[in-house]
Amino acid sequence: MFPLSSFAVWLLLPVLSIGWLYLVWRVASSGRRWGITQGIILLIFSPFVILLTFGALALLSSTLASLCVGLTVGMIGASKLIIELLGRRNFLASSHVQVPDMSASPRGLVEDSTYEQ
């Protein structure tokens, strides 16, 4: 059994917490349109991930450790899925009016119609 009062656990807690918050900061400051929303989503999931990770470390020799690790991976997967859904262009475009392609100039269309006459 891995004791919770062990020095390694209390050393890993700030390292994992700082690492997770650094990930949140990097995503939120990426400059992308949904960066702040993604950072907020990761920040909401971060306490669960940290608690489940240390639950798995504390229960390393028991069968409950595999459940904690599975839930941690599930939380990370769920947060990545939400981020992907928010970042998709089709998801964003469904709530906006489509702008027509204006690559053909109106002037060229007028010249073509004049040429045919």
PDB file of N, CA and C in Angstrom:
ATOM      1  N   MET A   1       0.847  -1.185   0.000  1.00  0.00           N
ATOM      2  CA  MET A   1       0.000   0.000   0.000  1.00  0.00           C
ATOM      3  C   MET A   1       0.891   1.246   0.000  1.00  0.00           C
ATOM      4  N   PHE A   2       0.501   2.229  -0.765  1.00  0.00           N
ATOM      5  CA  PHE A   2       1.255   3.473  -0.896  1.00  0.00           C
ATOM      6  C   PHE A   2       0.676   4.477   0.092  1.00  0.00           C
ATOM      7  N   PRO A   3       1.376   4.792   1.175  1.00  0.00           N
ATOM      8  CA  PRO A   3       0.796   5.673   2.199  1.00  0.00           C
ATOM      9  C   PRO A   3       0.611   7.099   1.682  1.00  0.00           C
ATOM     10  N   LEU A   4      -0.513   7.692   2.065  1.00  0.00           N
ATOM     11  CA  LEU A   4      -0.847   9.041   1.613  1.00  0.00           C
ATOM     12  C   LEU A   4       0.085  10.077   2.214  1.00  0.00           C
ATOM     13  N   SER A   5       0.661   9.781   3.370  1.00  0.00           N
ATOM     14  CA  SER A   5       1.556  10.743   4.008  1.00  0.00           C
ATOM     15  C   SER A   5       2.980  10.661   3.468  1.00  0.00           C
ATOM     16  N   SER A   6       3.181   9.832   2.477  1.00  0.00           N
ATOM     17  CA  SER A   6       4.517   9.668   1.921  1.00  0.00           C
ATOM     18  C   SER A   6       5.006  10.964   1.275  1.00  0.00           C
ATOM     19  N   PHE A   7       6.313  11.151   1.325  1.00  0.00           N
ATOM     20  CA  PHE A   7       6.927  12.353   0.766  1.00  0.00           C
ATOM     21  C   PHE A   7       6.701  12.440  -0.744  1.00  0.00           C
ATOM     22  N   ALA A   8       6.700  11.284  -1.417  1.00  0.00           N
ATOM     23  CA  ALA A   8       6.540  11.280  -2.876  1.00  0.00           C
ATOM     24  C   ALA A   8       5.174  11.814  -3.294  1.00  0.00           C
ATOM     25  N   VAL A   9       4.129  11.457  -2.550  1.00  0.00           N
ATOM     26  CA  VAL A   9       2.784  11.928  -2.894  1.00  0.00           C
ATOM     27  C   VAL A   9       2.697  13.434  -2.729  1.00  0.00           C
ATOM     28  N   TRP A  10       3.218  13.956  -1.645  1.00  0.00           N
ATOM     29  CA  TRP A  10       3.138  15.398  -1.413  1.00  0.00           C
ATOM     30  C   TRP A  10       4.079  16.175  -2.321  1.00  0.00           C
ATOM     31  N   LEU A  11       5.083  15.499  -2.869  1.00  0.00           N
ATOM     32  CA  LEU A  11       5.941  16.130  -3.868  1.00  0.00           C
ATOM     33  C   LEU A  11       5.261  16.131  -5.234  1.00  0.00           C
ATOM     34  N   LEU A  12       4.538  15.061  -5.539  1.00  0.00           N
ATOM     35  CA  LEU A  12       3.864  14.972  -6.831  1.00  0.00           C
ATOM     36  C   LEU A  12       2.645  15.884  -6.927  1.00  0.00           C
ATOM     37  N   LEU A  13       1.974  16.147  -5.826  1.00  0.00           N
ATOM     38  CA  LEU A  13       0.765  16.977  -5.862  1.00  0.00           C
ATOM     39  C   LEU A  13       1.022  18.362  -6.443  1.00  0.00           C
ATOM     40  N   PRO A  14       2.008  19.123  -5.946  1.00  0.00           N
ATOM     41  CA  PRO A  14       2.228  20.435  -6.566  1.00  0.00           C
ATOM     42  C   PRO A  14       2.757  20.347  -7.992  1.00  0.00           C
ATOM     43  N   VAL A  15       3.543  19.313  -8.288  1.00  0.00           N
ATOM     44  CA  VAL A  15       4.075  19.179  -9.650  1.00  0.00           C
ATOM     45  C   VAL A  15       2.942  18.936 -10.640  1.00  0.00           C
ATOM     46  N   LEU A  16       2.038  18.015 -10.310  1.00  0.00           N
ATOM     47  CA  LEU A  16       0.910  17.755 -11.200  1.00  0.00           C
ATOM     48  C   LEU A  16      -0.046  18.939 -11.266  1.00  0.00           C
ATOM     49  N   SER A  17      -0.274  19.598 -10.138  1.00  0.00           N
ATOM     50  CA  SER A  17      -1.169  20.758 -10.133  1.00  0.00           C
ATOM     51  C   SER A  17      -0.608  21.884 -10.986  1.00  0.00           C
ATOM     52  N   ILE A  18       0.683  22.170 -10.824  1.00  0.00           N
ATOM     53  CA  ILE A  18       1.309  23.230 -11.615  1.00  0.00           C
ATOM     54  C   ILE A  18       1.337  22.843 -13.091  1.00  0.00           C
ATOM     55  N   GLY A  19       1.605  21.582 -13.374  1.00  0.00           N
ATOM     56  CA  GLY A  19       1.602  21.124 -14.765  1.00  0.00           C
ATOM     57  C   GLY A  19       0.240  21.257 -15.411  1.00  0.00           C
ATOM     58  N   TRP A  20      -0.804  20.892 -14.680  1.00  0.00           N
ATOM     59  CA  TRP A  20      -2.162  20.999 -15.219  1.00  0.00           C
ATOM     60  C   TRP A  20      -2.548  22.457 -15.420  1.00  0.00           C
ATOM     61  N   LEU A  21      -2.231  23.319 -14.460  1.00  0.00           N
ATOM     62  CA  LEU A  21      -2.549  24.740 -14.612  1.00  0.00           C
ATOM     63  C   LEU A  21      -1.743  25.368 -15.744  1.00  0.00           C
ATOM     64  N   TYR A  22      -0.518  24.889 -15.966  1.00  0.00           N
ATOM     65  CA  TYR A  22       0.267  25.371 -17.104  1.00  0.00           C
ATOM     66  C   TYR A  22      -0.411  24.981 -18.416  1.00  0.00           C
ATOM     67  N   LEU A  23      -0.940  23.756 -18.478  1.00  0.00           N
ATOM     68  CA  LEU A  23      -1.674  23.327 -19.668  1.00  0.00           C
ATOM     69  C   LEU A  23      -2.896  24.206 -19.897  1.00  0.00           C
ATOM     70  N   VAL A  24      -3.635  24.512 -18.826  1.00  0.00           N
ATOM     71  CA  VAL A  24      -4.800  25.393 -18.941  1.00  0.00           C
ATOM     72  C   VAL A  24      -4.375  26.765 -19.455  1.00  0.00           C
ATOM     73  N   TRP A  25      -3.278  27.289 -18.918  1.00  0.00           N
ATOM     74  CA  TRP A  25      -2.806  28.610 -19.340  1.00  0.00           C
ATOM     75  C   TRP A  25      -2.387  28.605 -20.803  1.00  0.00           C
ATOM     76  N   ARG A  26      -1.696  27.541 -21.242  1.00  0.00           N
ATOM     77  CA  ARG A  26      -1.250  27.465 -22.639  1.00  0.00           C
ATOM     78  C   ARG A  26      -2.435  27.404 -23.596  1.00  0.00           C
ATOM     79  N   VAL A  27      -3.458  26.644 -23.230  1.00  0.00           N
ATOM     80  CA  VAL A  27      -4.634  26.546 -24.092  1.00  0.00           C
ATOM     81  C   VAL A  27      -5.375  27.876 -24.123  1.00  0.00           C
ATOM     82  N   ALA A  28      -5.540  28.496 -22.958  1.00  0.00           N
ATOM     83  CA  ALA A  28      -6.294  29.748 -22.892  1.00  0.00           C
ATOM     84  C   ALA A  28      -5.564  30.892 -23.579  1.00  0.00           C
ATOM     85  N   SER A  29      -4.247  30.861 -23.602  1.00  0.00           N
ATOM     86  CA  SER A  29      -3.492  31.952 -24.218  1.00  0.00           C
ATOM     87  C   SER A  29      -3.024  31.610 -25.626  1.00  0.00           C
ATOM     88  N   SER A  30      -3.638  30.624 -26.248  1.00  0.00           N
ATOM     89  CA  SER A  30      -3.193  30.201 -27.576  1.00  0.00           C
ATOM     90  C   SER A  30      -3.550  31.203 -28.655  1.00  0.00           C
ATOM     91  N   GLY A  31      -4.426  32.148 -28.351  1.00  0.00           N
ATOM     92  CA  GLY A  31      -4.818  33.143 -29.336  1.00  0.00           C
ATOM     93  C   GLY A  31      -5.920  32.668 -30.258  1.00  0.00           C
ATOM     94  N   ARG A  32      -6.354  31.458 -30.098  1.00  0.00           N
ATOM     95  CA  ARG A  32      -7.443  30.950 -30.921  1.00  0.00           C
ATOM     96  C   ARG A  32      -8.764  31.498 -30.419  1.00  0.00           C
ATOM     97  N   ARG A  33      -9.750  31.401 -31.250  1.00  0.00           N
ATOM     98  CA  ARG A  33     -11.051  31.977 -30.935  1.00  0.00           C
ATOM     99  C   ARG A  33     -11.675  31.351 -29.692  1.00  0.00           C
ATOM    100  N   TRP A  34     -11.540  30.050 -29.556  1.00  0.00           N
ATOM    101  CA  TRP A  34     -12.161  29.354 -28.427  1.00  0.00           C
ATOM    102  C   TRP A  34     -11.154  29.047 -27.332  1.00  0.00           C
ATOM    103  N   GLY A  35      -9.999  29.716 -27.324  1.00  0.00           N
ATOM    104  CA  GLY A  35      -8.966  29.422 -26.338  1.00  0.00           C
ATOM    105  C   GLY A  35      -9.411  29.640 -24.910  1.00  0.00           C
ATOM    106  N   ILE A  36     -10.121  30.732 -24.655  1.00  0.00           N
ATOM    107  CA  ILE A  36     -10.571  31.016 -23.285  1.00  0.00           C
ATOM    108  C   ILE A  36     -11.597  29.986 -22.843  1.00  0.00           C
ATOM    109  N   THR A  37     -12.521  29.624 -23.732  1.00  0.00           N
ATOM    110  CA  THR A  37     -13.523  28.610 -23.394  1.00  0.00           C
ATOM    111  C   THR A  37     -12.853  27.271 -23.102  1.00  0.00           C
ATOM    112  N   GLN A  38     -11.859  26.913 -23.901  1.00  0.00           N
ATOM    113  CA  GLN A  38     -11.143  25.662 -23.668  1.00  0.00           C
ATOM    114  C   GLN A  38     -10.412  25.697 -22.334  1.00  0.00           C
ATOM    115  N   GLY A  39      -9.813  26.834 -22.009  1.00  0.00           N
ATOM    116  CA  GLY A  39      -9.131  26.970 -20.724  1.00  0.00           C
ATOM    117  C   GLY A  39     -10.081  26.817 -19.554  1.00  0.00           C
ATOM    118  N   ILE A  40     -11.276  27.380 -19.681  1.00  0.00           N
ATOM    119  CA  ILE A  40     -12.281  27.260 -18.616  1.00  0.00           C
ATOM    120  C   ILE A  40     -12.718  25.807 -18.464  1.00  0.00           C
ATOM    121  N   ILE A  41     -12.912  25.116 -19.584  1.00  0.00           N
ATOM    122  CA  ILE A  41     -13.309  23.700 -19.520  1.00  0.00           C
ATOM    123  C   ILE A  41     -12.231  22.878 -18.821  1.00  0.00           C
ATOM    124  N   LEU A  42     -10.966  23.109 -19.185  1.00  0.00           N
ATOM    125  CA  LEU A  42      -9.878  22.377 -18.535  1.00  0.00           C
ATOM    126  C   LEU A  42      -9.785  22.721 -17.055  1.00  0.00           C
ATOM    127  N   LEU A  43     -10.037  23.977 -16.725  1.00  0.00           N
ATOM    128  CA  LEU A  43      -9.979  24.391 -15.329  1.00  0.00           C
ATOM    129  C   LEU A  43     -11.084  23.727 -14.511  1.00  0.00           C
ATOM    130  N   ILE A  44     -12.254  23.543 -15.113  1.00  0.00           N
ATOM    131  CA  ILE A  44     -13.350  22.861 -14.419  1.00  0.00           C
ATOM    132  C   ILE A  44     -12.986  21.399 -14.162  1.00  0.00           C
ATOM    133  N   PHE A  45     -12.338  20.752 -15.136  1.00  0.00           N
ATOM    134  CA  PHE A  45     -11.982  19.346 -14.988  1.00  0.00           C
ATOM    135  C   PHE A  45     -10.752  19.133 -14.117  1.00  0.00           C
ATOM    136  N   SER A  46      -9.937  20.168 -13.897  1.00  0.00           N
ATOM    137  CA  SER A  46      -8.656  19.970 -13.219  1.00  0.00           C
ATOM    138  C   SER A  46      -8.762  19.427 -11.794  1.00  0.00           C
ATOM    139  N   PRO A  47      -9.685  19.884 -10.946  1.00  0.00           N
ATOM    140  CA  PRO A  47      -9.732  19.288  -9.598  1.00  0.00           C
ATOM    141  C   PRO A  47     -10.048  17.797  -9.626  1.00  0.00           C
ATOM    142  N   PHE A  48     -10.929  17.381 -10.539  1.00  0.00           N
ATOM    143  CA  PHE A  48     -11.272  15.967 -10.637  1.00  0.00           C
ATOM    144  C   PHE A  48     -10.068  15.143 -11.065  1.00  0.00           C
ATOM    145  N   VAL A  49      -9.327  15.655 -12.035  1.00  0.00           N
ATOM    146  CA  VAL A  49      -8.161  14.923 -12.527  1.00  0.00           C
ATOM    147  C   VAL A  49      -7.112  14.791 -11.433  1.00  0.00           C
ATOM    148  N   ILE A  50      -6.858  15.873 -10.707  1.00  0.00           N
ATOM    149  CA  ILE A  50      -5.849  15.837  -9.647  1.00  0.00           C
ATOM    150  C   ILE A  50      -6.280  14.899  -8.517  1.00  0.00           C
ATOM    151  N   LEU A  51      -7.539  14.990  -8.093  1.00  0.00           N
ATOM    152  CA  LEU A  51      -8.016  14.117  -7.019  1.00  0.00           C
ATOM    153  C   LEU A  51      -7.997  12.650  -7.426  1.00  0.00           C
ATOM    154  N   LEU A  52      -8.430  12.367  -8.650  1.00  0.00           N
ATOM    155  CA  LEU A  52      -8.442  10.975  -9.085  1.00  0.00           C
ATOM    156  C   LEU A  52      -7.029  10.424  -9.255  1.00  0.00           C
ATOM    157  N   THR A  53      -6.113  11.261  -9.705  1.00  0.00           N
ATOM    158  CA  THR A  53      -4.724  10.814  -9.839  1.00  0.00           C
ATOM    159  C   THR A  53      -4.139  10.459  -8.482  1.00  0.00           C
ATOM    160  N   PHE A  54      -4.371  11.299  -7.482  1.00  0.00           N
ATOM    161  CA  PHE A  54      -3.818  11.008  -6.165  1.00  0.00           C
ATOM    162  C   PHE A  54      -4.590   9.927  -5.446  1.00  0.00           C
ATOM    163  N   GLY A  55      -5.848   9.753  -5.797  1.00  0.00           N
ATOM    164  CA  GLY A  55      -6.573   8.595  -5.291  1.00  0.00           C
ATOM    165  C   GLY A  55      -5.956   7.303  -5.800  1.00  0.00           C
ATOM    166  N   ALA A  56      -5.552   7.317  -7.062  1.00  0.00           N
ATOM    167  CA  ALA A  56      -4.901   6.135  -7.638  1.00  0.00           C
ATOM    168  C   ALA A  56      -3.536   5.897  -7.005  1.00  0.00           C
ATOM    169  N   LEU A  57      -2.791   6.970  -6.723  1.00  0.00           N
ATOM    170  CA  LEU A  57      -1.490   6.793  -6.073  1.00  0.00           C
ATOM    171  C   LEU A  57      -1.650   6.268  -4.653  1.00  0.00           C
ATOM    172  N   ALA A  58      -2.664   6.744  -3.944  1.00  0.00           N
ATOM    173  CA  ALA A  58      -2.869   6.312  -2.563  1.00  0.00           C
ATOM    174  C   ALA A  58      -3.330   4.861  -2.491  1.00  0.00           C
ATOM    175  N   LEU A  59      -4.025   4.404  -3.514  1.00  0.00           N
ATOM    176  CA  LEU A  59      -4.570   3.051  -3.515  1.00  0.00           C
ATOM    177  C   LEU A  59      -3.855   2.162  -4.527  1.00  0.00           C
ATOM    178  N   LEU A  60      -2.572   2.369  -4.673  1.00  0.00           N
ATOM    179  CA  LEU A  60      -1.821   1.740  -5.758  1.00  0.00           C
ATOM    180  C   LEU A  60      -1.932   0.220  -5.766  1.00  0.00           C
ATOM    181  N   SER A  61      -2.009  -0.401  -4.614  1.00  0.00           N
ATOM    182  CA  SER A  61      -2.011  -1.864  -4.583  1.00  0.00           C
ATOM    183  C   SER A  61      -3.419  -2.457  -4.605  1.00  0.00           C
ATOM    184  N   SER A  62      -4.447  -1.631  -4.588  1.00  0.00           N
ATOM    185  CA  SER A  62      -5.804  -2.185  -4.554  1.00  0.00           C
ATOM    186  C   SER A  62      -6.448  -2.145  -5.939  1.00  0.00           C
ATOM    187  N   THR A  63      -7.574  -2.792  -6.060  1.00  0.00           N
ATOM    188  CA  THR A  63      -8.286  -2.807  -7.338  1.00  0.00           C
ATOM    189  C   THR A  63      -8.980  -1.479  -7.612  1.00  0.00           C
ATOM    190  N   LEU A  64      -9.163  -0.664  -6.572  1.00  0.00           N
ATOM    191  CA  LEU A  64      -9.780   0.642  -6.760  1.00  0.00           C
ATOM    192  C   LEU A  64      -8.861   1.591  -7.520  1.00  0.00           C
ATOM    193  N   ALA A  65      -7.570   1.292  -7.520  1.00  0.00           N
ATOM    194  CA  ALA A  65      -6.615   2.139  -8.247  1.00  0.00           C
ATOM    195  C   ALA A  65      -6.910   2.129  -9.737  1.00  0.00           C
ATOM    196  N   SER A  66      -7.263   0.979 -10.271  1.00  0.00           N
ATOM    197  CA  SER A  66      -7.568   0.910 -11.701  1.00  0.00           C
ATOM    198  C   SER A  66      -8.810   1.727 -12.032  1.00  0.00           C
ATOM    199  N   LEU A  67      -9.779   1.768 -11.116  1.00  0.00           N
ATOM    200  CA  LEU A  67     -10.969   2.594 -11.319  1.00  0.00           C
ATOM    201  C   LEU A  67     -10.606   4.074 -11.329  1.00  0.00           C
ATOM    202  N   CYS A  68      -9.757   4.492 -10.400  1.00  0.00           N
ATOM    203  CA  CYS A  68      -9.339   5.898 -10.348  1.00  0.00           C
ATOM    204  C   CYS A  68      -8.567   6.295 -11.598  1.00  0.00           C
ATOM    205  N   VAL A  69      -7.686   5.415 -12.050  1.00  0.00           N
ATOM    206  CA  VAL A  69      -6.931   5.711 -13.270  1.00  0.00           C
ATOM    207  C   VAL A  69      -7.873   5.773 -14.467  1.00  0.00           C
ATOM    208  N   GLY A  70      -8.823   4.865 -14.530  1.00  0.00           N
ATOM    209  CA  GLY A  70      -9.796   4.877 -15.624  1.00  0.00           C
ATOM    210  C   GLY A  70     -10.640   6.138 -15.629  1.00  0.00           C
ATOM    211  N   LEU A  71     -11.075   6.579 -14.451  1.00  0.00           N
ATOM    212  CA  LEU A  71     -11.848   7.819 -14.374  1.00  0.00           C
ATOM    213  C   LEU A  71     -11.010   9.030 -14.757  1.00  0.00           C
ATOM    214  N   THR A  72      -9.739   9.023 -14.389  1.00  0.00           N
ATOM    215  CA  THR A  72      -8.853  10.127 -14.763  1.00  0.00           C
ATOM    216  C   THR A  72      -8.710  10.208 -16.273  1.00  0.00           C
ATOM    217  N   VAL A  73      -8.461   9.069 -16.899  1.00  0.00           N
ATOM    218  CA  VAL A  73      -8.336   9.047 -18.355  1.00  0.00           C
ATOM    219  C   VAL A  73      -9.660   9.448 -19.006  1.00  0.00           C
ATOM    220  N   GLY A  74     -10.767   9.017 -18.418  1.00  0.00           N
ATOM    221  CA  GLY A  74     -12.076   9.408 -18.939  1.00  0.00           C
ATOM    222  C   GLY A  74     -12.319  10.904 -18.852  1.00  0.00           C
ATOM    223  N   MET A  75     -11.922  11.521 -17.746  1.00  0.00           N
ATOM    224  CA  MET A  75     -12.075  12.976 -17.608  1.00  0.00           C
ATOM    225  C   MET A  75     -11.239  13.717 -18.646  1.00  0.00           C
ATOM    226  N   ILE A  76     -10.014  13.260 -18.841  1.00  0.00           N
ATOM    227  CA  ILE A  76      -9.160  13.909 -19.841  1.00  0.00           C
ATOM    228  C   ILE A  76      -9.758  13.722 -21.230  1.00  0.00           C
ATOM    229  N   GLY A  77     -10.247  12.529 -21.518  1.00  0.00           N
ATOM    230  CA  GLY A  77     -10.878  12.279 -22.816  1.00  0.00           C
ATOM    231  C   GLY A  77     -12.129  13.110 -23.016  1.00  0.00           C
ATOM    232  N   ALA A  78     -12.941  13.246 -21.959  1.00  0.00           N
ATOM    233  CA  ALA A  78     -14.155  14.058 -22.072  1.00  0.00           C
ATOM    234  C   ALA A  78     -13.824  15.520 -22.303  1.00  0.00           C
ATOM    235  N   SER A  79     -12.814  16.032 -21.619  1.00  0.00           N
ATOM    236  CA  SER A  79     -12.454  17.436 -21.824  1.00  0.00           C
ATOM    237  C   SER A  79     -11.908  17.658 -23.228  1.00  0.00           C
ATOM    238  N   LYS A  80     -11.130  16.703 -23.747  1.00  0.00           N
ATOM    239  CA  LYS A  80     -10.626  16.836 -25.115  1.00  0.00           C
ATOM    240  C   LYS A  80     -11.766  16.771 -26.124  1.00  0.00           C
ATOM    241  N   LEU A  81     -12.765  15.924 -25.877  1.00  0.00           N
ATOM    242  CA  LEU A  81     -13.904  15.824 -26.785  1.00  0.00           C
ATOM    243  C   LEU A  81     -14.698  17.124 -26.813  1.00  0.00           C
ATOM    244  N   ILE A  82     -14.939  17.705 -25.645  1.00  0.00           N
ATOM    245  CA  ILE A  82     -15.664  18.975 -25.587  1.00  0.00           C
ATOM    246  C   ILE A  82     -14.885  20.062 -26.306  1.00  0.00           C
ATOM    247  N   ILE A  83     -13.576  20.079 -26.121  1.00  0.00           N
ATOM    248  CA  ILE A  83     -12.748  21.081 -26.797  1.00  0.00           C
ATOM    249  C   ILE A  83     -12.807  20.892 -28.310  1.00  0.00           C
ATOM    250  N   GLU A  84     -12.762  19.648 -28.768  1.00  0.00           N
ATOM    251  CA  GLU A  84     -12.836  19.401 -30.210  1.00  0.00           C
ATOM    252  C   GLU A  84     -14.187  19.835 -30.767  1.00  0.00           C
ATOM    253  N   LEU A  85     -15.259  19.550 -30.037  1.00  0.00           N
ATOM    254  CA  LEU A  85     -16.584  19.957 -30.508  1.00  0.00           C
ATOM    255  C   LEU A  85     -16.709  21.468 -30.584  1.00  0.00           C
ATOM    256  N   LEU A  86     -16.159  22.161 -29.607  1.00  0.00           N
ATOM    257  CA  LEU A  86     -16.236  23.617 -29.631  1.00  0.00           C
ATOM    258  C   LEU A  86     -15.356  24.215 -30.718  1.00  0.00           C
ATOM    259  N   GLY A  87     -14.316  23.537 -31.095  1.00  0.00           N
ATOM    260  CA  GLY A  87     -13.393  24.084 -32.076  1.00  0.00           C
ATOM    261  C   GLY A  87     -13.747  23.782 -33.519  1.00  0.00           C
ATOM    262  N   ARG A  88     -14.680  22.909 -33.768  1.00  0.00           N
ATOM    263  CA  ARG A  88     -15.009  22.550 -35.145  1.00  0.00           C
ATOM    264  C   ARG A  88     -15.699  23.695 -35.858  1.00  0.00           C
ATOM    265  N   ARG A  89     -15.326  23.886 -37.102  1.00  0.00           N
ATOM    266  CA  ARG A  89     -15.927  24.967 -37.882  1.00  0.00           C
ATOM    267  C   ARG A  89     -17.385  24.689 -38.190  1.00  0.00           C
ATOM    268  N   ASN A  90     -17.729  23.437 -38.431  1.00  0.00           N
ATOM    269  CA  ASN A  90     -19.125  23.117 -38.725  1.00  0.00           C
ATOM    270  C   ASN A  90     -20.005  23.412 -37.523  1.00  0.00           C
ATOM    271  N   PHE A  91     -19.492  23.138 -36.339  1.00  0.00           N
ATOM    272  CA  PHE A  91     -20.241  23.422 -35.124  1.00  0.00           C
ATOM    273  C   PHE A  91     -20.460  24.917 -34.970  1.00  0.00           C
ATOM    274  N   LEU A  92     -19.445  25.709 -35.274  1.00  0.00           N
ATOM    275  CA  LEU A  92     -19.565  27.161 -35.167  1.00  0.00           C
ATOM    276  C   LEU A  92     -20.411  27.730 -36.295  1.00  0.00           C
ATOM    277  N   ALA A  93     -20.275  27.182 -37.502  1.00  0.00           N
ATOM    278  CA  ALA A  93     -20.986  27.729 -38.656  1.00  0.00           C
ATOM    279  C   ALA A  93     -22.477  27.452 -38.593  1.00  0.00           C
ATOM    280  N   SER A  94     -22.905  26.467 -37.832  1.00  0.00           N
ATOM    281  CA  SER A  94     -24.328  26.149 -37.779  1.00  0.00           C
ATOM    282  C   SER A  94     -25.137  27.257 -37.120  1.00  0.00           C
ATOM    283  N   SER A  95     -24.493  28.115 -36.353  1.00  0.00           N
ATOM    284  CA  SER A  95     -25.223  29.186 -35.686  1.00  0.00           C
ATOM    285  C   SER A  95     -25.037  30.534 -36.374  1.00  0.00           C
ATOM    286  N   HIS A  96     -24.343  30.558 -37.520  1.00  0.00           N
ATOM    287  CA  HIS A  96     -24.094  31.811 -38.219  1.00  0.00           C
ATOM    288  C   HIS A  96     -24.627  31.745 -39.650  1.00  0.00           C
ATOM    289  N   VAL A  97     -24.901  32.892 -40.227  1.00  0.00           N
ATOM    290  CA  VAL A  97     -25.335  32.976 -41.614  1.00  0.00           C
ATOM    291  C   VAL A  97     -24.111  32.779 -42.506  1.00  0.00           C
ATOM    292  N   GLN A  98     -24.255  31.962 -43.527  1.00  0.00           N
ATOM    293  CA  GLN A  98     -23.153  31.723 -44.452  1.00  0.00           C
ATOM    294  C   GLN A  98     -22.975  32.921 -45.379  1.00  0.00           C
ATOM    295  N   VAL A  99     -21.750  33.339 -45.568  1.00  0.00           N
ATOM    296  CA  VAL A  99     -21.435  34.448 -46.460  1.00  0.00           C
ATOM    297  C   VAL A  99     -21.076  33.861 -47.816  1.00  0.00           C
ATOM    298  N   PRO A 100     -21.694  34.351 -48.908  1.00  0.00           N
ATOM    299  CA  PRO A 100     -21.376  33.797 -50.228  1.00  0.00           C
ATOM    300  C   PRO A 100     -19.947  34.128 -50.646  1.00  0.00           C
ATOM    301  N   ASP A 101     -19.401  33.299 -51.519  1.00  0.00           N
ATOM    302  CA  ASP A 101     -18.051  33.505 -52.025  1.00  0.00           C
ATOM    303  C   ASP A 101     -18.047  34.678 -53.006  1.00  0.00           C
ATOM    304  N   MET A 102     -17.218  35.665 -52.741  1.00  0.00           N
ATOM    305  CA  MET A 102     -17.167  36.862 -53.580  1.00  0.00           C
ATOM    306  C   MET A 102     -15.881  36.900 -54.401  1.00  0.00           C
ATOM    307  N   SER A 103     -15.343  35.739 -54.759  1.00  0.00           N
ATOM    308  CA  SER A 103     -14.082  35.720 -55.487  1.00  0.00           C
ATOM    309  C   SER A 103     -14.241  36.231 -56.919  1.00  0.00           C
ATOM    310  N   ALA A 104     -15.401  36.010 -57.532  1.00  0.00           N
ATOM    311  CA  ALA A 104     -15.643  36.543 -58.880  1.00  0.00           C
ATOM    312  C   ALA A 104     -16.084  37.996 -58.752  1.00  0.00           C
ATOM    313  N   SER A 105     -15.405  38.868 -59.453  1.00  0.00           N
ATOM    314  CA  SER A 105     -15.738  40.290 -59.334  1.00  0.00           C
ATOM    315  C   SER A 105     -16.997  40.596 -60.137  1.00  0.00           C
ATOM    316  N   PRO A 106     -17.852  41.481 -59.657  1.00  0.00           N
ATOM    317  CA  PRO A 106     -19.054  41.865 -60.413  1.00  0.00           C
ATOM    318  C   PRO A 106     -18.689  42.505 -61.749  1.00  0.00           C
ATOM    319  N   ARG A 107     -17.556  43.156 -61.795  1.00  0.00           N
ATOM    320  CA  ARG A 107     -17.117  43.812 -63.022  1.00  0.00           C
ATOM    321  C   ARG A 107     -16.861  42.781 -64.122  1.00  0.00           C
ATOM    322  N   GLY A 108     -16.227  41.670 -63.745  1.00  0.00           N
ATOM    323  CA  GLY A 108     -15.968  40.626 -64.725  1.00  0.00           C
ATOM    324  C   GLY A 108     -17.246  40.011 -65.253  1.00  0.00           C
ATOM    325  N   LEU A 109     -18.250  39.877 -64.410  1.00  0.00           N
ATOM    326  CA  LEU A 109     -19.526  39.337 -64.856  1.00  0.00           C
ATOM    327  C   LEU A 109     -20.201  40.281 -65.839  1.00  0.00           C
ATOM    328  N   VAL A 110     -20.097  41.570 -65.613  1.00  0.00           N
ATOM    329  CA  VAL A 110     -20.702  42.552 -66.521  1.00  0.00           C
ATOM    330  C   VAL A 110     -20.000  42.506 -67.871  1.00  0.00           C
ATOM    331  N   GLU A 111     -18.687  42.404 -67.863  1.00  0.00           N
ATOM    332  CA  GLU A 111     -17.939  42.362 -69.118  1.00  0.00           C
ATOM    333  C   GLU A 111     -18.280  41.109 -69.913  1.00  0.00           C
ATOM    334  N   ASP A 112     -18.462  39.981 -69.231  1.00  0.00           N
ATOM    335  CA  ASP A 112     -18.809  38.749 -69.930  1.00  0.00           C
ATOM    336  C   ASP A 112     -20.173  38.862 -70.585  1.00  0.00           C
ATOM    337  N   SER A 113     -21.143  39.448 -69.883  1.00  0.00           N
ATOM    338  CA  SER A 113     -22.477  39.569 -70.461  1.00  0.00           C
ATOM    339  C   SER A 113     -22.485  40.568 -71.611  1.00  0.00           C
ATOM    340  N   THR A 114     -21.646  41.586 -71.555  1.00  0.00           N
ATOM    341  CA  THR A 114     -21.564  42.561 -72.643  1.00  0.00           C
ATOM    342  C   THR A 114     -20.916  41.920 -73.867  1.00  0.00           C
ATOM    343  N   TYR A 115     -19.953  41.066 -73.662  1.00  0.00           N
ATOM    344  CA  TYR A 115     -19.232  40.427 -74.765  1.00  0.00           C
ATOM    345  C   TYR A 115     -20.151  39.525 -75.580  1.00  0.00           C
ATOM    346  N   GLU A 116     -21.083  38.832 -74.882  1.00  0.00           N
ATOM    347  CA  GLU A 116     -21.991  37.929 -75.583  1.00  0.00           C
ATOM    348  C   GLU A 116     -22.960  38.688 -76.472  1.00  0.00           C
ATOM    349  N   GLN A 117     -23.270  39.921 -76.157  1.00  0.00           N
ATOM    350  CA  GLN A 117     -24.224  40.684 -76.970  1.00  0.00           C
ATOM    351  C   GLN A 117     -23.524  41.122 -78.187  1.00  0.00           C
TER     352      GLN A 117
END
